């Protein structure tokens, strides 16, 4: 899925959607991810705390529970050979009112 919402555009996501049962996290790799909750604060954006790579999104309140994993992080995948849907995510959920980061509290 190539989504046009604000977080997917900024993170460069091209997502595939495995359910919890169809994805294996190896040796504590999920626990090593850093988390950012965006917009409605109901989904976790997972990223690498060392290199900053956006790994995906945990759609923990979806039925069935699923992840949106960035195809760009999968080794050996030919992105040009993929067929994917384009979604106008901005129409489904408006961006947060302030995208400047001014609301961030340290």
N, C-alpha and C. Protein backbone atom coordinates (compact mmCIF):
# COMPACT_ATOMS: atom_id res chain seq x y z
N UNK A 1 0.85 -1.17 0.00
CA UNK A 1 0.00 0.00 0.00
C UNK A 1 0.89 1.23 0.00
N UNK A 2 0.63 2.13 -0.89
CA UNK A 2 1.33 3.40 -0.94
C UNK A 2 0.33 4.45 -0.46
N UNK A 3 0.44 4.84 0.80
CA UNK A 3 -0.50 5.74 1.44
C UNK A 3 0.02 7.17 1.38
N UNK A 4 -0.87 8.12 1.23
CA UNK A 4 -0.48 9.51 1.14
C UNK A 4 -0.73 10.31 2.41
N UNK A 5 -0.99 9.63 3.54
CA UNK A 5 -1.20 10.39 4.78
C UNK A 5 0.13 11.01 5.22
N UNK A 6 0.05 11.93 6.16
CA UNK A 6 1.25 12.70 6.53
C UNK A 6 2.37 11.82 7.08
N UNK A 7 2.08 10.85 7.93
CA UNK A 7 3.14 10.02 8.52
C UNK A 7 3.76 9.09 7.48
N UNK A 8 2.94 8.51 6.61
CA UNK A 8 3.47 7.60 5.58
C UNK A 8 4.33 8.36 4.57
N UNK A 9 3.92 9.58 4.22
CA UNK A 9 4.73 10.39 3.29
C UNK A 9 6.07 10.73 3.92
N UNK A 10 6.06 11.19 5.17
CA UNK A 10 7.31 11.60 5.82
C UNK A 10 8.24 10.42 6.07
N UNK A 11 7.68 9.26 6.42
CA UNK A 11 8.51 8.08 6.72
C UNK A 11 8.90 7.32 5.46
N UNK A 12 8.28 7.63 4.32
CA UNK A 12 8.60 6.93 3.08
C UNK A 12 8.05 5.52 3.05
N UNK A 13 6.94 5.29 3.75
CA UNK A 13 6.39 3.94 3.83
C UNK A 13 5.82 3.44 2.50
N UNK A 14 6.04 2.18 2.24
CA UNK A 14 5.38 1.38 1.22
C UNK A 14 5.05 0.11 1.98
N UNK A 15 3.82 0.00 2.49
CA UNK A 15 3.50 -1.00 3.51
C UNK A 15 2.90 -2.29 2.98
N UNK A 16 3.29 -3.38 3.65
CA UNK A 16 2.62 -4.68 3.52
C UNK A 16 2.00 -4.94 4.88
N UNK A 17 0.92 -5.74 4.94
CA UNK A 17 0.12 -5.86 6.15
C UNK A 17 -0.02 -7.29 6.66
N UNK A 18 1.02 -7.84 7.28
CA UNK A 18 0.87 -9.17 7.89
C UNK A 18 0.10 -9.07 9.21
N UNK A 19 -0.67 -10.12 9.50
CA UNK A 19 -1.31 -10.19 10.82
C UNK A 19 -0.26 -10.55 11.86
N UNK A 20 -0.61 -10.40 13.12
CA UNK A 20 0.33 -10.74 14.20
C UNK A 20 0.84 -12.16 14.04
N UNK A 21 -0.06 -13.09 13.66
CA UNK A 21 0.32 -14.50 13.55
C UNK A 21 1.27 -14.77 12.38
N UNK A 22 1.27 -13.90 11.39
CA UNK A 22 2.07 -14.12 10.19
C UNK A 22 3.39 -13.36 10.16
N UNK A 23 3.78 -12.80 11.29
CA UNK A 23 5.04 -12.08 11.36
C UNK A 23 5.84 -12.60 12.55
N UNK A 24 7.09 -12.92 12.32
CA UNK A 24 7.97 -13.40 13.39
C UNK A 24 9.01 -12.33 13.69
N UNK A 25 9.05 -11.91 14.93
CA UNK A 25 10.10 -11.01 15.40
C UNK A 25 11.19 -11.88 15.99
N UNK A 26 12.42 -11.65 15.59
CA UNK A 26 13.53 -12.49 16.03
C UNK A 26 14.28 -11.89 17.21
N UNK A 27 14.56 -12.72 18.20
CA UNK A 27 15.46 -12.43 19.33
C UNK A 27 15.24 -11.05 19.94
N UNK A 28 14.00 -10.73 20.29
CA UNK A 28 13.72 -9.47 20.95
C UNK A 28 13.78 -8.24 20.06
N UNK A 29 13.71 -8.44 18.75
CA UNK A 29 13.86 -7.31 17.84
C UNK A 29 12.73 -6.29 17.98
N UNK A 30 11.51 -6.73 18.28
CA UNK A 30 10.43 -5.76 18.45
C UNK A 30 10.67 -4.91 19.70
N UNK A 31 11.14 -5.53 20.76
CA UNK A 31 11.40 -4.81 22.00
C UNK A 31 12.53 -3.78 21.84
N UNK A 32 13.41 -4.01 20.88
CA UNK A 32 14.50 -3.06 20.63
C UNK A 32 14.05 -1.86 19.79
N UNK A 33 12.86 -1.94 19.20
CA UNK A 33 12.35 -0.82 18.41
C UNK A 33 12.00 0.35 19.31
N UNK A 34 12.19 1.54 18.81
CA UNK A 34 11.67 2.74 19.47
C UNK A 34 10.28 2.98 18.90
N UNK A 35 9.46 3.69 19.66
CA UNK A 35 8.06 3.89 19.29
C UNK A 35 7.74 5.38 19.27
N UNK A 36 7.00 5.78 18.26
CA UNK A 36 6.44 7.13 18.18
C UNK A 36 4.95 6.97 17.92
N UNK A 37 4.13 7.61 18.74
CA UNK A 37 2.68 7.57 18.51
C UNK A 37 2.28 8.88 17.85
N UNK A 38 1.64 8.77 16.70
CA UNK A 38 1.30 9.95 15.92
C UNK A 38 -0.20 10.20 15.94
N UNK A 39 -0.59 11.38 15.56
CA UNK A 39 -1.96 11.84 15.38
C UNK A 39 -2.88 11.42 16.51
N UNK A 40 -3.65 10.34 16.36
CA UNK A 40 -4.63 9.94 17.38
C UNK A 40 -4.01 9.19 18.55
N UNK A 41 -2.72 8.91 18.48
CA UNK A 41 -1.98 8.20 19.54
C UNK A 41 -2.51 6.79 19.80
N UNK A 42 -3.07 6.15 18.77
CA UNK A 42 -3.60 4.79 18.91
C UNK A 42 -2.77 3.76 18.16
N UNK A 43 -1.80 4.21 17.39
CA UNK A 43 -0.94 3.30 16.62
C UNK A 43 0.51 3.62 16.94
N UNK A 44 1.33 2.59 17.02
CA UNK A 44 2.75 2.78 17.28
C UNK A 44 3.54 2.73 15.99
N UNK A 45 4.29 3.80 15.70
CA UNK A 45 5.24 3.77 14.59
C UNK A 45 6.52 3.19 15.17
N UNK A 46 7.01 2.11 14.57
CA UNK A 46 8.20 1.43 15.05
C UNK A 46 9.39 1.85 14.20
N UNK A 47 10.48 2.20 14.86
CA UNK A 47 11.68 2.57 14.11
C UNK A 47 12.92 2.13 14.87
N UNK A 48 14.02 2.02 14.14
CA UNK A 48 15.29 1.60 14.72
C UNK A 48 15.90 2.76 15.50
N UNK A 49 16.21 2.56 16.80
CA UNK A 49 16.79 3.64 17.58
C UNK A 49 18.24 3.96 17.22
N UNK A 50 18.89 3.06 16.49
CA UNK A 50 20.30 3.30 16.12
C UNK A 50 20.43 4.04 14.79
N UNK A 51 19.68 3.60 13.77
CA UNK A 51 19.84 4.22 12.45
C UNK A 51 18.65 5.09 12.05
N UNK A 52 17.52 4.98 12.79
CA UNK A 52 16.35 5.79 12.49
C UNK A 52 15.45 5.24 11.41
N UNK A 53 15.75 4.05 10.87
CA UNK A 53 14.92 3.47 9.81
C UNK A 53 13.50 3.23 10.30
N UNK A 54 12.53 3.67 9.51
CA UNK A 54 11.12 3.42 9.83
C UNK A 54 10.79 1.99 9.45
N UNK A 55 10.45 1.19 10.44
CA UNK A 55 10.19 -0.23 10.23
C UNK A 55 8.74 -0.49 9.88
N UNK A 56 7.84 0.20 10.55
CA UNK A 56 6.43 -0.01 10.27
C UNK A 56 5.53 0.56 11.34
N UNK A 57 4.28 0.11 11.31
CA UNK A 57 3.25 0.60 12.22
C UNK A 57 2.55 -0.60 12.84
N UNK A 58 2.32 -0.55 14.14
CA UNK A 58 1.55 -1.57 14.84
C UNK A 58 0.11 -1.11 14.92
N UNK A 59 -0.75 -1.73 14.10
CA UNK A 59 -2.17 -1.42 14.11
C UNK A 59 -2.84 -2.26 15.18
N UNK A 60 -2.47 -2.04 16.44
CA UNK A 60 -2.85 -2.91 17.54
C UNK A 60 -4.35 -2.92 17.83
N UNK A 61 -5.09 -1.93 17.38
CA UNK A 61 -6.53 -1.91 17.61
C UNK A 61 -7.33 -2.37 16.40
N UNK A 62 -6.65 -2.84 15.37
CA UNK A 62 -7.33 -3.32 14.16
C UNK A 62 -7.86 -4.74 14.39
N UNK A 63 -8.83 -5.12 13.60
CA UNK A 63 -9.33 -6.49 13.63
C UNK A 63 -9.23 -7.05 12.22
N UNK A 64 -8.43 -8.09 11.99
CA UNK A 64 -7.53 -8.73 12.96
C UNK A 64 -6.34 -7.82 13.25
N UNK A 65 -5.67 -8.08 14.37
CA UNK A 65 -4.51 -7.28 14.73
C UNK A 65 -3.43 -7.50 13.67
N UNK A 66 -2.85 -6.39 13.21
CA UNK A 66 -1.87 -6.49 12.13
C UNK A 66 -0.82 -5.41 12.26
N UNK A 67 0.23 -5.60 11.50
CA UNK A 67 1.30 -4.61 11.36
C UNK A 67 1.25 -4.06 9.94
N UNK A 68 1.74 -2.87 9.78
CA UNK A 68 2.07 -2.33 8.47
C UNK A 68 3.59 -2.29 8.43
N UNK A 69 4.21 -3.21 7.72
CA UNK A 69 5.67 -3.29 7.66
C UNK A 69 6.16 -2.64 6.38
N UNK A 70 7.15 -1.78 6.51
CA UNK A 70 7.68 -1.08 5.34
C UNK A 70 8.42 -2.06 4.43
N UNK A 71 7.92 -2.22 3.22
CA UNK A 71 8.57 -3.12 2.26
C UNK A 71 10.00 -2.65 1.96
N UNK A 72 10.27 -1.38 2.18
CA UNK A 72 11.61 -0.84 1.94
C UNK A 72 12.64 -1.40 2.91
N UNK A 73 12.20 -2.02 4.01
CA UNK A 73 13.14 -2.58 5.00
C UNK A 73 13.37 -4.07 4.80
N UNK A 74 12.73 -4.67 3.82
CA UNK A 74 12.87 -6.11 3.58
C UNK A 74 14.04 -6.35 2.63
N UNK A 75 15.04 -7.06 3.10
CA UNK A 75 16.22 -7.35 2.28
C UNK A 75 15.85 -8.17 1.05
N UNK A 76 16.41 -7.80 -0.09
CA UNK A 76 16.26 -8.59 -1.31
C UNK A 76 14.97 -8.36 -2.08
N UNK A 77 14.13 -7.45 -1.65
CA UNK A 77 12.86 -7.23 -2.36
C UNK A 77 13.09 -6.25 -3.52
N UNK A 78 12.47 -6.54 -4.65
CA UNK A 78 12.56 -5.66 -5.82
C UNK A 78 11.32 -4.77 -5.81
N UNK A 79 11.47 -3.55 -5.31
CA UNK A 79 10.33 -2.65 -5.17
C UNK A 79 9.67 -2.32 -6.50
N UNK A 80 10.44 -2.32 -7.58
CA UNK A 80 9.89 -1.99 -8.90
C UNK A 80 9.00 -3.10 -9.45
N UNK A 81 9.14 -4.31 -8.93
CA UNK A 81 8.33 -5.42 -9.43
C UNK A 81 7.02 -5.57 -8.65
N UNK A 82 6.85 -4.82 -7.57
CA UNK A 82 5.64 -4.93 -6.76
C UNK A 82 4.45 -4.25 -7.41
N UNK A 83 3.29 -4.83 -7.20
CA UNK A 83 2.04 -4.18 -7.57
C UNK A 83 1.38 -3.79 -6.26
N UNK A 84 1.00 -2.54 -6.15
CA UNK A 84 0.43 -2.08 -4.89
C UNK A 84 -0.70 -1.10 -5.14
N UNK A 85 -1.51 -0.94 -4.10
CA UNK A 85 -2.62 0.00 -4.14
C UNK A 85 -2.14 1.35 -3.65
N UNK A 86 -2.76 2.39 -4.16
CA UNK A 86 -2.49 3.74 -3.70
C UNK A 86 -3.71 4.18 -2.89
N UNK A 87 -3.46 4.73 -1.70
CA UNK A 87 -4.56 5.16 -0.84
C UNK A 87 -4.37 6.64 -0.51
N UNK A 88 -5.45 7.39 -0.60
CA UNK A 88 -5.42 8.80 -0.23
C UNK A 88 -5.69 8.91 1.26
N UNK A 89 -4.65 8.67 2.06
CA UNK A 89 -4.79 8.65 3.51
C UNK A 89 -5.20 9.98 4.11
N UNK A 90 -4.90 11.08 3.44
CA UNK A 90 -5.28 12.39 3.97
C UNK A 90 -6.80 12.53 4.01
N UNK A 91 -7.50 11.92 3.05
CA UNK A 91 -8.96 11.98 3.06
C UNK A 91 -9.55 11.13 4.18
N UNK A 92 -8.85 10.06 4.58
CA UNK A 92 -9.35 9.20 5.66
C UNK A 92 -9.09 9.82 7.03
N UNK A 93 -7.96 10.49 7.19
CA UNK A 93 -7.62 11.10 8.47
C UNK A 93 -6.79 12.34 8.21
N UNK A 94 -7.31 13.47 8.61
CA UNK A 94 -6.59 14.73 8.41
C UNK A 94 -5.30 14.73 9.22
N UNK A 95 -4.27 15.40 8.71
CA UNK A 95 -3.02 15.49 9.48
C UNK A 95 -3.25 16.21 10.80
N UNK A 96 -2.38 15.95 11.74
CA UNK A 96 -2.41 16.67 13.01
C UNK A 96 -2.33 18.16 12.72
N UNK A 97 -2.93 18.97 13.55
CA UNK A 97 -3.00 20.40 13.28
C UNK A 97 -1.65 21.08 13.24
N UNK A 98 -0.66 20.57 13.97
CA UNK A 98 0.66 21.19 13.99
C UNK A 98 1.71 20.15 13.65
N UNK A 99 2.28 20.24 12.46
CA UNK A 99 3.30 19.29 12.03
C UNK A 99 4.70 19.84 12.23
N UNK A 100 4.82 20.99 12.90
CA UNK A 100 6.13 21.63 13.06
C UNK A 100 6.97 21.01 14.15
N UNK A 101 6.33 20.27 15.06
CA UNK A 101 7.06 19.73 16.20
C UNK A 101 7.05 20.67 17.39
N UNK A 102 6.38 21.82 17.27
CA UNK A 102 6.36 22.81 18.34
C UNK A 102 5.69 22.27 19.60
N UNK A 103 4.81 21.28 19.46
CA UNK A 103 4.12 20.72 20.63
C UNK A 103 4.97 19.71 21.38
N UNK A 104 6.11 19.34 20.83
CA UNK A 104 6.97 18.34 21.45
C UNK A 104 7.54 18.88 22.75
N UNK A 105 7.36 18.14 23.83
CA UNK A 105 7.86 18.56 25.14
C UNK A 105 9.03 17.68 25.53
N UNK A 106 10.16 18.30 25.83
CA UNK A 106 11.35 17.55 26.24
C UNK A 106 11.37 17.34 27.73
